[in-house]
Amino acid sequence: MDVRKLQKIAVAALEDIKGEDIEVINTTKLTSLFDRIIVATGSSNRQVKSLARSVEDKVREAGGEVVGVEGADTGEWVLVDLGSIVVHVMQPAVRSYYNLEELWQTKPKRAAKAAAEPDA
């Protein structure tokens, strides 16, 4: 399945269950393991599990493959591996602590901020 189509399906599945702060990160220039990371927040372990299950179900309905799911037993951080896309669904405290968005950005926030500041 095309990565853009798979991305749309995964994001729509997260939006259907009211996932918050959904962010898609293009990792094609950073790693050959996968093309995208999708990060979303769920307010409770029950919602995190539901968000991950929604992604699994919608991808399978569309004929896509779910390679694996990790963390569904606790619901604090569930990873859904779709092959070319890895979906991370986390509770707010876990997402804040691990800060995957900054880790996977091509420019760290500190470097981007320093580059944007005019010379004095």
PDB file of N, CA and C in Angstrom:
ATOM      1  N   MET A   1       0.848  -1.176   0.000  1.00  0.00           N
ATOM      2  CA  MET A   1       0.000   0.000   0.000  1.00  0.00           C
ATOM      3  C   MET A   1       0.894   1.240   0.000  1.00  0.00           C
ATOM      4  N   ASP A   2       0.485   2.241  -0.735  1.00  0.00           N
ATOM      5  CA  ASP A   2       1.211   3.506  -0.819  1.00  0.00           C
ATOM      6  C   ASP A   2       1.293   4.166   0.560  1.00  0.00           C
ATOM      7  N   VAL A   3       2.458   4.712   0.892  1.00  0.00           N
ATOM      8  CA  VAL A   3       2.669   5.289   2.223  1.00  0.00           C
ATOM      9  C   VAL A   3       1.735   6.474   2.486  1.00  0.00           C
ATOM     10  N   ARG A   4       1.436   7.256   1.462  1.00  0.00           N
ATOM     11  CA  ARG A   4       0.520   8.396   1.665  1.00  0.00           C
ATOM     12  C   ARG A   4      -0.889   7.926   1.985  1.00  0.00           C
ATOM     13  N   LYS A   5      -1.335   6.882   1.306  1.00  0.00           N
ATOM     14  CA  LYS A   5      -2.665   6.329   1.572  1.00  0.00           C
ATOM     15  C   LYS A   5      -2.708   5.722   2.979  1.00  0.00           C
ATOM     16  N   LEU A   6      -1.667   4.994   3.333  1.00  0.00           N
ATOM     17  CA  LEU A   6      -1.582   4.393   4.655  1.00  0.00           C
ATOM     18  C   LEU A   6      -1.580   5.466   5.744  1.00  0.00           C
ATOM     19  N   GLN A   7      -0.864   6.554   5.494  1.00  0.00           N
ATOM     20  CA  GLN A   7      -0.820   7.684   6.439  1.00  0.00           C
ATOM     21  C   GLN A   7      -2.211   8.281   6.624  1.00  0.00           C
ATOM     22  N   LYS A   8      -2.928   8.496   5.533  1.00  0.00           N
ATOM     23  CA  LYS A   8      -4.283   9.060   5.628  1.00  0.00           C
ATOM     24  C   LYS A   8      -5.211   8.153   6.429  1.00  0.00           C
ATOM     25  N   ILE A   9      -5.097   6.855   6.201  1.00  0.00           N
ATOM     26  CA  ILE A   9      -5.939   5.891   6.928  1.00  0.00           C
ATOM     27  C   ILE A   9      -5.628   5.931   8.417  1.00  0.00           C
ATOM     28  N   ALA A  10      -4.346   5.928   8.758  1.00  0.00           N
ATOM     29  CA  ALA A  10      -3.943   5.930  10.171  1.00  0.00           C
ATOM     30  C   ALA A  10      -4.372   7.216  10.873  1.00  0.00           C
ATOM     31  N   VAL A  11      -4.163   8.355  10.230  1.00  0.00           N
ATOM     32  CA  VAL A  11      -4.551   9.641  10.837  1.00  0.00           C
ATOM     33  C   VAL A  11      -6.061   9.712  10.999  1.00  0.00           C
ATOM     34  N   ALA A  12      -6.806   9.271   9.988  1.00  0.00           N
ATOM     35  CA  ALA A  12      -8.277   9.278  10.082  1.00  0.00           C
ATOM     36  C   ALA A  12      -8.753   8.371  11.218  1.00  0.00           C
ATOM     37  N   ALA A  13      -8.100   7.231  11.386  1.00  0.00           N
ATOM     38  CA  ALA A  13      -8.472   6.311  12.470  1.00  0.00           C
ATOM     39  C   ALA A  13      -8.229   6.955  13.830  1.00  0.00           C
ATOM     40  N   LEU A  14      -7.153   7.708  13.956  1.00  0.00           N
ATOM     41  CA  LEU A  14      -6.866   8.407  15.217  1.00  0.00           C
ATOM     42  C   LEU A  14      -7.867   9.530  15.454  1.00  0.00           C
ATOM     43  N   GLU A  15      -8.215  10.254  14.407  1.00  0.00           N
ATOM     44  CA  GLU A  15      -9.182  11.352  14.538  1.00  0.00           C
ATOM     45  C   GLU A  15     -10.566  10.837  14.897  1.00  0.00           C
ATOM     46  N   ASP A  16     -10.929   9.660  14.384  1.00  0.00           N
ATOM     47  CA  ASP A  16     -12.243   9.067  14.670  1.00  0.00           C
ATOM     48  C   ASP A  16     -12.454   8.832  16.156  1.00  0.00           C
ATOM     49  N   ILE A  17     -11.399   8.506  16.878  1.00  0.00           N
ATOM     50  CA  ILE A  17     -11.495   8.201  18.310  1.00  0.00           C
ATOM     51  C   ILE A  17     -11.022   9.395  19.142  1.00  0.00           C
ATOM     52  N   LYS A  18     -10.968  10.557  18.520  1.00  0.00           N
ATOM     53  CA  LYS A  18     -10.606  11.810  19.206  1.00  0.00           C
ATOM     54  C   LYS A  18      -9.175  11.827  19.745  1.00  0.00           C
ATOM     55  N   GLY A  19      -8.242  11.279  18.959  1.00  0.00           N
ATOM     56  CA  GLY A  19      -6.831  11.392  19.306  1.00  0.00           C
ATOM     57  C   GLY A  19      -6.419  12.854  19.285  1.00  0.00           C
ATOM     58  N   GLU A  20      -5.533  13.225  20.187  1.00  0.00           N
ATOM     59  CA  GLU A  20      -5.129  14.622  20.314  1.00  0.00           C
ATOM     60  C   GLU A  20      -3.698  14.820  19.825  1.00  0.00           C
ATOM     61  N   ASP A  21      -3.398  16.040  19.387  1.00  0.00           N
ATOM     62  CA  ASP A  21      -2.044  16.438  18.996  1.00  0.00           C
ATOM     63  C   ASP A  21      -1.402  15.429  18.046  1.00  0.00           C
ATOM     64  N   ILE A  22      -2.113  15.083  16.991  1.00  0.00           N
ATOM     65  CA  ILE A  22      -1.601  14.123  16.016  1.00  0.00           C
ATOM     66  C   ILE A  22      -0.518  14.806  15.183  1.00  0.00           C
ATOM     67  N   GLU A  23       0.652  14.188  15.144  1.00  0.00           N
ATOM     68  CA  GLU A  23       1.762  14.747  14.385  1.00  0.00           C
ATOM     69  C   GLU A  23       2.371  13.661  13.506  1.00  0.00           C
ATOM     70  N   VAL A  24       2.605  14.014  12.235  1.00  0.00           N
ATOM     71  CA  VAL A  24       3.220  13.102  11.284  1.00  0.00           C
ATOM     72  C   VAL A  24       4.626  13.610  10.994  1.00  0.00           C
ATOM     73  N   ILE A  25       5.614  12.723  11.128  1.00  0.00           N
ATOM     74  CA  ILE A  25       7.006  13.089  10.892  1.00  0.00           C
ATOM     75  C   ILE A  25       7.537  12.240   9.743  1.00  0.00           C
ATOM     76  N   ASN A  26       8.036  12.899   8.713  1.00  0.00           N
ATOM     77  CA  ASN A  26       8.636  12.215   7.566  1.00  0.00           C
ATOM     78  C   ASN A  26      10.071  11.839   7.934  1.00  0.00           C
ATOM     79  N   THR A  27      10.369  10.550   7.934  1.00  0.00           N
ATOM     80  CA  THR A  27      11.695  10.078   8.346  1.00  0.00           C
ATOM     81  C   THR A  27      12.491   9.473   7.190  1.00  0.00           C
ATOM     82  N   THR A  28      12.077   9.721   5.961  1.00  0.00           N
ATOM     83  CA  THR A  28      12.744   9.089   4.819  1.00  0.00           C
ATOM     84  C   THR A  28      14.216   9.476   4.718  1.00  0.00           C
ATOM     85  N   LYS A  29      14.578  10.678   5.146  1.00  0.00           N
ATOM     86  CA  LYS A  29      15.973  11.113   5.073  1.00  0.00           C
ATOM     87  C   LYS A  29      16.766  10.759   6.331  1.00  0.00           C
ATOM     88  N   LEU A  30      16.078  10.236   7.349  1.00  0.00           N
ATOM     89  CA  LEU A  30      16.727   9.942   8.624  1.00  0.00           C
ATOM     90  C   LEU A  30      17.012   8.467   8.844  1.00  0.00           C
ATOM     91  N   THR A  31      16.184   7.593   8.274  1.00  0.00           N
ATOM     92  CA  THR A  31      16.347   6.152   8.470  1.00  0.00           C
ATOM     93  C   THR A  31      15.744   5.397   7.289  1.00  0.00           C
ATOM     94  N   SER A  32      16.246   4.214   7.056  1.00  0.00           N
ATOM     95  CA  SER A  32      15.684   3.369   6.005  1.00  0.00           C
ATOM     96  C   SER A  32      14.702   2.348   6.580  1.00  0.00           C
ATOM     97  N   LEU A  33      14.493   2.385   7.889  1.00  0.00           N
ATOM     98  CA  LEU A  33      13.618   1.413   8.542  1.00  0.00           C
ATOM     99  C   LEU A  33      12.135   1.663   8.275  1.00  0.00           C
ATOM    100  N   PHE A  34      11.739   2.941   8.198  1.00  0.00           N
ATOM    101  CA  PHE A  34      10.343   3.308   7.950  1.00  0.00           C
ATOM    102  C   PHE A  34      10.320   4.710   7.366  1.00  0.00           C
ATOM    103  N   ASP A  35       9.177   5.069   6.764  1.00  0.00           N
ATOM    104  CA  ASP A  35       9.055   6.361   6.081  1.00  0.00           C
ATOM    105  C   ASP A  35       8.394   7.446   6.915  1.00  0.00           C
ATOM    106  N   ARG A  36       7.538   7.047   7.844  1.00  0.00           N
ATOM    107  CA  ARG A  36       6.819   8.028   8.651  1.00  0.00           C
ATOM    108  C   ARG A  36       6.696   7.533  10.089  1.00  0.00           C
ATOM    109  N   ILE A  37       6.606   8.509  10.978  1.00  0.00           N
ATOM    110  CA  ILE A  37       6.212   8.251  12.360  1.00  0.00           C
ATOM    111  C   ILE A  37       4.978   9.105  12.596  1.00  0.00           C
ATOM    112  N   ILE A  38       3.969   8.510  13.190  1.00  0.00           N
ATOM    113  CA  ILE A  38       2.782   9.255  13.585  1.00  0.00           C
ATOM    114  C   ILE A  38       2.698   9.168  15.103  1.00  0.00           C
ATOM    115  N   VAL A  39       2.584  10.327  15.750  1.00  0.00           N
ATOM    116  CA  VAL A  39       2.497  10.387  17.207  1.00  0.00           C
ATOM    117  C   VAL A  39       1.148  11.012  17.567  1.00  0.00           C
ATOM    118  N   ALA A  40       0.460  10.400  18.517  1.00  0.00           N
ATOM    119  CA  ALA A  40      -0.829  10.925  18.969  1.00  0.00           C
ATOM    120  C   ALA A  40      -0.953  10.721  20.474  1.00  0.00           C
ATOM    121  N   THR A  41      -1.819  11.518  21.084  1.00  0.00           N
ATOM    122  CA  THR A  41      -2.039  11.448  22.519  1.00  0.00           C
ATOM    123  C   THR A  41      -3.455  10.978  22.811  1.00  0.00           C
ATOM    124  N   GLY A  42      -3.562  10.105  23.812  1.00  0.00           N
ATOM    125  CA  GLY A  42      -4.848   9.692  24.353  1.00  0.00           C
ATOM    126  C   GLY A  42      -4.890  10.066  25.824  1.00  0.00           C
ATOM    127  N   SER A  43      -6.029  10.466  26.318  1.00  0.00           N
ATOM    128  CA  SER A  43      -6.123  11.009  27.674  1.00  0.00           C
ATOM    129  C   SER A  43      -6.085   9.951  28.781  1.00  0.00           C
ATOM    130  N   SER A  44      -6.328   8.690  28.445  1.00  0.00           N
ATOM    131  CA  SER A  44      -6.311   7.620  29.457  1.00  0.00           C
ATOM    132  C   SER A  44      -5.792   6.349  28.811  1.00  0.00           C
ATOM    133  N   ASN A  45      -5.483   5.348  29.645  1.00  0.00           N
ATOM    134  CA  ASN A  45      -5.003   4.103  29.045  1.00  0.00           C
ATOM    135  C   ASN A  45      -6.091   3.433  28.210  1.00  0.00           C
ATOM    136  N   ARG A  46      -7.327   3.615  28.587  1.00  0.00           N
ATOM    137  CA  ARG A  46      -8.434   3.063  27.794  1.00  0.00           C
ATOM    138  C   ARG A  46      -8.502   3.731  26.420  1.00  0.00           C
ATOM    139  N   GLN A  47      -8.348   5.060  26.374  1.00  0.00           N
ATOM    140  CA  GLN A  47      -8.391   5.747  25.090  1.00  0.00           C
ATOM    141  C   GLN A  47      -7.161   5.410  24.244  1.00  0.00           C
ATOM    142  N   VAL A  48      -5.984   5.296  24.862  1.00  0.00           N
ATOM    143  CA  VAL A  48      -4.777   4.935  24.123  1.00  0.00           C
ATOM    144  C   VAL A  48      -4.970   3.576  23.455  1.00  0.00           C
ATOM    145  N   LYS A  49      -5.509   2.617  24.189  1.00  0.00           N
ATOM    146  CA  LYS A  49      -5.761   1.289  23.628  1.00  0.00           C
ATOM    147  C   LYS A  49      -6.779   1.364  22.491  1.00  0.00           C
ATOM    148  N   SER A  50      -7.822   2.171  22.669  1.00  0.00           N
ATOM    149  CA  SER A  50      -8.855   2.311  21.634  1.00  0.00           C
ATOM    150  C   SER A  50      -8.302   2.962  20.375  1.00  0.00           C
ATOM    151  N   LEU A  51      -7.451   3.959  20.546  1.00  0.00           N
ATOM    152  CA  LEU A  51      -6.831   4.625  19.391  1.00  0.00           C
ATOM    153  C   LEU A  51      -5.976   3.640  18.600  1.00  0.00           C
ATOM    154  N   ALA A  52      -5.159   2.863  19.303  1.00  0.00           N
ATOM    155  CA  ALA A  52      -4.306   1.884  18.633  1.00  0.00           C
ATOM    156  C   ALA A  52      -5.149   0.824  17.924  1.00  0.00           C
ATOM    157  N   ARG A  53      -6.191   0.351  18.584  1.00  0.00           N
ATOM    158  CA  ARG A  53      -7.078  -0.651  17.983  1.00  0.00           C
ATOM    159  C   ARG A  53      -7.777  -0.089  16.745  1.00  0.00           C
ATOM    160  N   SER A  54      -8.148   1.182  16.786  1.00  0.00           N
ATOM    161  CA  SER A  54      -8.786   1.826  15.637  1.00  0.00           C
ATOM    162  C   SER A  54      -7.837   1.854  14.440  1.00  0.00           C
ATOM    163  N   VAL A  55      -6.580   2.185  14.687  1.00  0.00           N
ATOM    164  CA  VAL A  55      -5.588   2.187  13.596  1.00  0.00           C
ATOM    165  C   VAL A  55      -5.456   0.777  13.008  1.00  0.00           C
ATOM    166  N   GLU A  56      -5.327  -0.212  13.880  1.00  0.00           N
ATOM    167  CA  GLU A  56      -5.215  -1.608  13.417  1.00  0.00           C
ATOM    168  C   GLU A  56      -6.409  -1.999  12.545  1.00  0.00           C
ATOM    169  N   ASP A  57      -7.604  -1.736  13.057  1.00  0.00           N
ATOM    170  CA  ASP A  57      -8.824  -2.140  12.360  1.00  0.00           C
ATOM    171  C   ASP A  57      -8.973  -1.448  11.008  1.00  0.00           C
ATOM    172  N   LYS A  58      -8.750  -0.137  10.971  1.00  0.00           N
ATOM    173  CA  LYS A  58      -8.932   0.623   9.725  1.00  0.00           C
ATOM    174  C   LYS A  58      -7.901   0.216   8.669  1.00  0.00           C
ATOM    175  N   VAL A  59      -6.671  -0.039   9.101  1.00  0.00           N
ATOM    176  CA  VAL A  59      -5.634  -0.455   8.149  1.00  0.00           C
ATOM    177  C   VAL A  59      -5.977  -1.828   7.579  1.00  0.00           C
ATOM    178  N   ARG A  60      -6.397  -2.741   8.431  1.00  0.00           N
ATOM    179  CA  ARG A  60      -6.763  -4.087   7.948  1.00  0.00           C
ATOM    180  C   ARG A  60      -7.970  -4.032   7.019  1.00  0.00           C
ATOM    181  N   GLU A  61      -8.976  -3.179   7.362  1.00  0.00           N
ATOM    182  CA  GLU A  61     -10.158  -3.026   6.500  1.00  0.00           C
ATOM    183  C   GLU A  61      -9.780  -2.532   5.120  1.00  0.00           C
ATOM    184  N   ALA A  62      -8.741  -1.697   5.045  1.00  0.00           N
ATOM    185  CA  ALA A  62      -8.299  -1.138   3.765  1.00  0.00           C
ATOM    186  C   ALA A  62      -7.365  -2.088   3.015  1.00  0.00           C
ATOM    187  N   GLY A  63      -7.087  -3.254   3.602  1.00  0.00           N
ATOM    188  CA  GLY A  63      -6.235  -4.226   2.945  1.00  0.00           C
ATOM    189  C   GLY A  63      -4.763  -4.095   3.291  1.00  0.00           C
ATOM    190  N   GLY A  64      -4.449  -3.272   4.280  1.00  0.00           N
ATOM    191  CA  GLY A  64      -3.065  -3.097   4.708  1.00  0.00           C
ATOM    192  C   GLY A  64      -2.665  -4.145   5.729  1.00  0.00           C
ATOM    193  N   GLU A  65      -1.370  -4.178   6.015  1.00  0.00           N
ATOM    194  CA  GLU A  65      -0.840  -5.154   6.954  1.00  0.00           C
ATOM    195  C   GLU A  65      -0.380  -4.475   8.234  1.00  0.00           C
ATOM    196  N   VAL A  66      -0.748  -5.066   9.356  1.00  0.00           N
ATOM    197  CA  VAL A  66      -0.247  -4.624  10.658  1.00  0.00           C
ATOM    198  C   VAL A  66       0.847  -5.608  11.047  1.00  0.00           C
ATOM    199  N   VAL A  67       2.096  -5.124  11.078  1.00  0.00           N
ATOM    200  CA  VAL A  67       3.241  -5.985  11.359  1.00  0.00           C
ATOM    201  C   VAL A  67       3.255  -6.412  12.823  1.00  0.00           C
ATOM    202  N   GLY A  68       2.937  -5.475  13.721  1.00  0.00           N
ATOM    203  CA  GLY A  68       2.936  -5.813  15.136  1.00  0.00           C
ATOM    204  C   GLY A  68       2.407  -4.681  15.991  1.00  0.00           C
ATOM    205  N   VAL A  69       2.070  -5.029  17.230  1.00  0.00           N
ATOM    206  CA  VAL A  69       1.582  -4.056  18.208  1.00  0.00           C
ATOM    207  C   VAL A  69       2.286  -4.334  19.519  1.00  0.00           C
ATOM    208  N   GLU A  70       2.799  -3.281  20.142  1.00  0.00           N
ATOM    209  CA  GLU A  70       3.490  -3.412  21.433  1.00  0.00           C
ATOM    210  C   GLU A  70       2.863  -2.456  22.443  1.00  0.00           C
ATOM    211  N   GLY A  71       2.752  -2.863  23.684  1.00  0.00           N
ATOM    212  CA  GLY A  71       2.307  -2.004  24.760  1.00  0.00           C
ATOM    213  C   GLY A  71       0.814  -1.945  24.993  1.00  0.00           C
ATOM    214  N   ALA A  72       0.050  -2.737  24.274  1.00  0.00           N
ATOM    215  CA  ALA A  72      -1.409  -2.693  24.418  1.00  0.00           C
ATOM    216  C   ALA A  72      -1.878  -3.216  25.771  1.00  0.00           C
ATOM    217  N   ASP A  73      -1.029  -3.950  26.476  1.00  0.00           N
ATOM    218  CA  ASP A  73      -1.437  -4.488  27.774  1.00  0.00           C
ATOM    219  C   ASP A  73      -1.546  -3.394  28.832  1.00  0.00           C
ATOM    220  N   THR A  74      -0.659  -2.386  28.816  1.00  0.00           N
ATOM    221  CA  THR A  74      -0.715  -1.331  29.826  1.00  0.00           C
ATOM    222  C   THR A  74      -1.475  -0.098  29.354  1.00  0.00           C
ATOM    223  N   GLY A  75      -1.338   0.259  28.082  1.00  0.00           N
ATOM    224  CA  GLY A  75      -2.059   1.406  27.553  1.00  0.00           C
ATOM    225  C   GLY A  75      -1.422   2.753  27.840  1.00  0.00           C
ATOM    226  N   GLU A  76      -0.187   2.771  28.336  1.00  0.00           N
ATOM    227  CA  GLU A  76       0.489   4.052  28.527  1.00  0.00           C
ATOM    228  C   GLU A  76       1.125   4.520  27.225  1.00  0.00           C
ATOM    229  N   TRP A  77       1.701   3.574  26.470  1.00  0.00           N
ATOM    230  CA  TRP A  77       2.338   3.860  25.193  1.00  0.00           C
ATOM    231  C   TRP A  77       2.149   2.631  24.324  1.00  0.00           C
ATOM    232  N   VAL A  78       1.375   2.766  23.266  1.00  0.00           N
ATOM    233  CA  VAL A  78       1.147   1.658  22.350  1.00  0.00           C
ATOM    234  C   VAL A  78       1.781   1.997  21.013  1.00  0.00           C
ATOM    235  N   LEU A  79       2.586   1.082  20.504  1.00  0.00           N
ATOM    236  CA  LEU A  79       3.240   1.237  19.216  1.00  0.00           C
ATOM    237  C   LEU A  79       2.553   0.296  18.234  1.00  0.00           C
ATOM    238  N   VAL A  80       2.127   0.848  17.098  1.00  0.00           N
ATOM    239  CA  VAL A  80       1.516   0.047  16.042  1.00  0.00           C
ATOM    240  C   VAL A  80       2.446   0.113  14.836  1.00  0.00           C
ATOM    241  N   ASP A  81       3.035  -1.020  14.472  1.00  0.00           N
ATOM    242  CA  ASP A  81       3.976  -1.095  13.356  1.00  0.00           C
ATOM    243  C   ASP A  81       3.214  -1.467  12.092  1.00  0.00           C
ATOM    244  N   LEU A  82       3.208  -0.532  11.141  1.00  0.00           N
ATOM    245  CA  LEU A  82       2.533  -0.758   9.871  1.00  0.00           C
ATOM    246  C   LEU A  82       3.538  -0.978   8.740  1.00  0.00           C
ATOM    247  N   GLY A  83       4.765  -1.257   9.088  1.00  0.00           N
ATOM    248  CA  GLY A  83       5.805  -1.453   8.083  1.00  0.00           C
ATOM    249  C   GLY A  83       6.469  -0.133   7.733  1.00  0.00           C
ATOM    250  N   SER A  84       5.913   0.584   6.785  1.00  0.00           N
ATOM    251  CA  SER A  84       6.496   1.862   6.365  1.00  0.00           C
ATOM    252  C   SER A  84       6.115   3.013   7.292  1.00  0.00           C
ATOM    253  N   ILE A  85       5.178   2.768   8.195  1.00  0.00           N
ATOM    254  CA  ILE A  85       4.752   3.786   9.172  1.00  0.00           C
ATOM    255  C   ILE A  85       4.722   3.144  10.555  1.00  0.00           C
ATOM    256  N   VAL A  86       5.231   3.885  11.534  1.00  0.00           N
ATOM    257  CA  VAL A  86       5.150   3.446  12.927  1.00  0.00           C
ATOM    258  C   VAL A  86       4.286   4.467  13.671  1.00  0.00           C
ATOM    259  N   VAL A  87       3.223   3.985  14.288  1.00  0.00           N
ATOM    260  CA  VAL A  87       2.292   4.849  15.015  1.00  0.00           C
ATOM    261  C   VAL A  87       2.549   4.692  16.511  1.00  0.00           C
ATOM    262  N   HIS A  88       2.775   5.827  17.188  1.00  0.00           N
ATOM    263  CA  HIS A  88       2.969   5.849  18.635  1.00  0.00           C
ATOM    264  C   HIS A  88       1.770   6.553  19.248  1.00  0.00           C
ATOM    265  N   VAL A  89       1.036   5.872  20.118  1.00  0.00           N
ATOM    266  CA  VAL A  89      -0.086   6.476  20.824  1.00  0.00           C
ATOM    267  C   VAL A  89       0.277   6.472  22.299  1.00  0.00           C
ATOM    268  N   MET A  90       0.292   7.655  22.917  1.00  0.00           N
ATOM    269  CA  MET A  90       0.790   7.781  24.288  1.00  0.00           C
ATOM    270  C   MET A  90      -0.128   8.619  25.150  1.00  0.00           C
ATOM    271  N   GLN A  91      -0.017   8.397  26.452  1.00  0.00           N
ATOM    272  CA  GLN A  91      -0.647   9.293  27.410  1.00  0.00           C
ATOM    273  C   GLN A  91       0.209  10.566  27.482  1.00  0.00           C
ATOM    274  N   PRO A  92      -0.382  11.691  27.890  1.00  0.00           N
ATOM    275  CA  PRO A  92       0.337  12.969  27.871  1.00  0.00           C
ATOM    276  C   PRO A  92       1.668  12.979  28.617  1.00  0.00           C
ATOM    277  N   ALA A  93       1.740  12.396  29.800  1.00  0.00           N
ATOM    278  CA  ALA A  93       2.988  12.422  30.579  1.00  0.00           C
ATOM    279  C   ALA A  93       4.091  11.624  29.884  1.00  0.00           C
ATOM    280  N   VAL A  94       3.735  10.500  29.284  1.00  0.00           N
ATOM    281  CA  VAL A  94       4.712   9.670  28.580  1.00  0.00           C
ATOM    282  C   VAL A  94       5.197  10.394  27.329  1.00  0.00           C
ATOM    283  N   ARG A  95       4.279  11.011  26.605  1.00  0.00           N
ATOM    284  CA  ARG A  95       4.657  11.736  25.389  1.00  0.00           C
ATOM    285  C   ARG A  95       5.584  12.898  25.714  1.00  0.00           C
ATOM    286  N   SER A  96       5.271  13.612  26.761  1.00  0.00           N
ATOM    287  CA  SER A  96       6.100  14.738  27.170  1.00  0.00           C
ATOM    288  C   SER A  96       7.492  14.269  27.593  1.00  0.00           C
ATOM    289  N   TYR A  97       7.555  13.175  28.316  1.00  0.00           N
ATOM    290  CA  TYR A  97       8.833  12.670  28.818  1.00  0.00           C
ATOM    291  C   TYR A  97       9.754  12.220  27.679  1.00  0.00           C
ATOM    292  N   TYR A  98       9.227  11.425  26.735  1.00  0.00           N
ATOM    293  CA  TYR A  98      10.067  10.869  25.675  1.00  0.00           C
ATOM    294  C   TYR A  98      10.273  11.830  24.507  1.00  0.00           C
ATOM    295  N   ASN A  99       9.348  12.752  24.287  1.00  0.00           N
ATOM    296  CA  ASN A  99       9.496  13.823  23.293  1.00  0.00           C
ATOM    297  C   ASN A  99      10.008  13.306  21.945  1.00  0.00           C
ATOM    298  N   LEU A 100       9.315  12.345  21.379  1.00  0.00           N
ATOM    299  CA  LEU A 100       9.730  11.748  20.115  1.00  0.00           C
ATOM    300  C   LEU A 100       9.791  12.744  18.971  1.00  0.00           C
ATOM    301  N   GLU A 101       8.939  13.753  19.014  1.00  0.00           N
ATOM    302  CA  GLU A 101       8.938  14.733  17.933  1.00  0.00           C
ATOM    303  C   GLU A 101      10.281  15.433  17.805  1.00  0.00           C
ATOM    304  N   GLU A 102      10.846  15.833  18.916  1.00  0.00           N
ATOM    305  CA  GLU A 102      12.149  16.504  18.855  1.00  0.00           C
ATOM    306  C   GLU A 102      13.250  15.523  18.467  1.00  0.00           C
ATOM    307  N   LEU A 103      13.153  14.316  18.935  1.00  0.00           N
ATOM    308  CA  LEU A 103      14.153  13.301  18.620  1.00  0.00           C
ATOM    309  C   LEU A 103      14.228  13.028  17.115  1.00  0.00           C
ATOM    310  N   TRP A 104      13.080  12.988  16.448  1.00  0.00           N
ATOM    311  CA  TRP A 104      13.037  12.620  15.033  1.00  0.00           C
ATOM    312  C   TRP A 104      13.005  13.792  14.073  1.00  0.00           C
ATOM    313  N   GLN A 105      12.995  15.013  14.546  1.00  0.00           N
ATOM    314  CA  GLN A 105      13.030  16.155  13.641  1.00  0.00           C
ATOM    315  C   GLN A 105      14.402  16.248  12.989  1.00  0.00           C
ATOM    316  N   THR A 106      14.457  16.780  11.776  1.00  0.00           N
ATOM    317  CA  THR A 106      15.736  16.905  11.085  1.00  0.00           C
ATOM    318  C   THR A 106      16.612  17.966  11.733  1.00  0.00           C
ATOM    319  N   LYS A 107      15.994  18.989  12.321  1.00  0.00           N
ATOM    320  CA  LYS A 107      16.728  20.017  13.056  1.00  0.00           C
ATOM    321  C   LYS A 107      16.217  20.027  14.483  1.00  0.00           C
ATOM    322  N   PRO A 108      17.069  19.796  15.463  1.00  0.00           N
ATOM    323  CA  PRO A 108      16.614  19.911  16.851  1.00  0.00           C
ATOM    324  C   PRO A 108      16.104  21.321  17.126  1.00  0.00           C
ATOM    325  N   LYS A 109      15.164  21.457  18.035  1.00  0.00           N
ATOM    326  CA  LYS A 109      14.555  22.758  18.320  1.00  0.00           C
ATOM    327  C   LYS A 109      15.586  23.798  18.728  1.00  0.00           C
ATOM    328  N   ARG A 110      16.584  23.391  19.498  1.00  0.00           N
ATOM    329  CA  ARG A 110      17.602  24.354  19.935  1.00  0.00           C
ATOM    330  C   ARG A 110      18.368  24.916  18.744  1.00  0.00           C
ATOM    331  N   ALA A 111      18.748  24.064  17.799  1.00  0.00           N
ATOM    332  CA  ALA A 111      19.492  24.514  16.623  1.00  0.00           C
ATOM    333  C   ALA A 111      18.611  25.385  15.732  1.00  0.00           C
ATOM    334  N   ALA A 112      17.354  25.007  15.587  1.00  0.00           N
ATOM    335  CA  ALA A 112      16.437  25.788  14.757  1.00  0.00           C
ATOM    336  C   ALA A 112      16.200  27.160  15.378  1.00  0.00           C
ATOM    337  N   LYS A 113      16.068  27.202  16.698  1.00  0.00           N
ATOM    338  CA  LYS A 113      15.848  28.465  17.397  1.00  0.00           C
ATOM    339  C   LYS A 113      17.076  29.367  17.253  1.00  0.00           C
ATOM    340  N   ALA A 114      18.268  28.814  17.411  1.00  0.00           N
ATOM    341  CA  ALA A 114      19.500  29.593  17.280  1.00  0.00           C
ATOM    342  C   ALA A 114      19.674  30.135  15.863  1.00  0.00           C
ATOM    343  N   ALA A 115      19.291  29.341  14.872  1.00  0.00           N
ATOM    344  CA  ALA A 115      19.411  29.777  13.480  1.00  0.00           C
ATOM    345  C   ALA A 115      18.436  30.906  13.159  1.00  0.00           C
ATOM    346  N   ALA A 116      17.289  30.921  13.852  1.00  0.00           N
ATOM    347  CA  ALA A 116      16.264  31.936  13.588  1.00  0.00           C
ATOM    348  C   ALA A 116      16.559  33.270  14.262  1.00  0.00           C
ATOM    349  N   GLU A 117      17.401  33.248  15.277  1.00  0.00           N
ATOM    350  CA  GLU A 117      17.703  34.493  16.008  1.00  0.00           C
ATOM    351  C   GLU A 117      18.646  35.371  15.184  1.00  0.00           C
ATOM    352  N   PRO A 118      18.302  36.665  15.055  1.00  0.00           N
ATOM    353  CA  PRO A 118      19.171  37.567  14.300  1.00  0.00           C
ATOM    354  C   PRO A 118      20.449  37.866  15.098  1.00  0.00           C
ATOM    355  N   ASP A 119      21.523  38.148  14.372  1.00  0.00           N
ATOM    356  CA  ASP A 119      22.775  38.506  15.023  1.00  0.00           C
ATOM    357  C   ASP A 119      22.641  39.866  15.686  1.00  0.00           C
ATOM    358  N   ALA A 120      23.208  40.016  16.881  1.00  0.00           N
ATOM    359  CA  ALA A 120      23.089  41.267  17.636  1.00  0.00           C
ATOM    360  C   ALA A 120      24.155  42.236  17.232  1.00  0.00           C
TER     361      ALA A 120
END
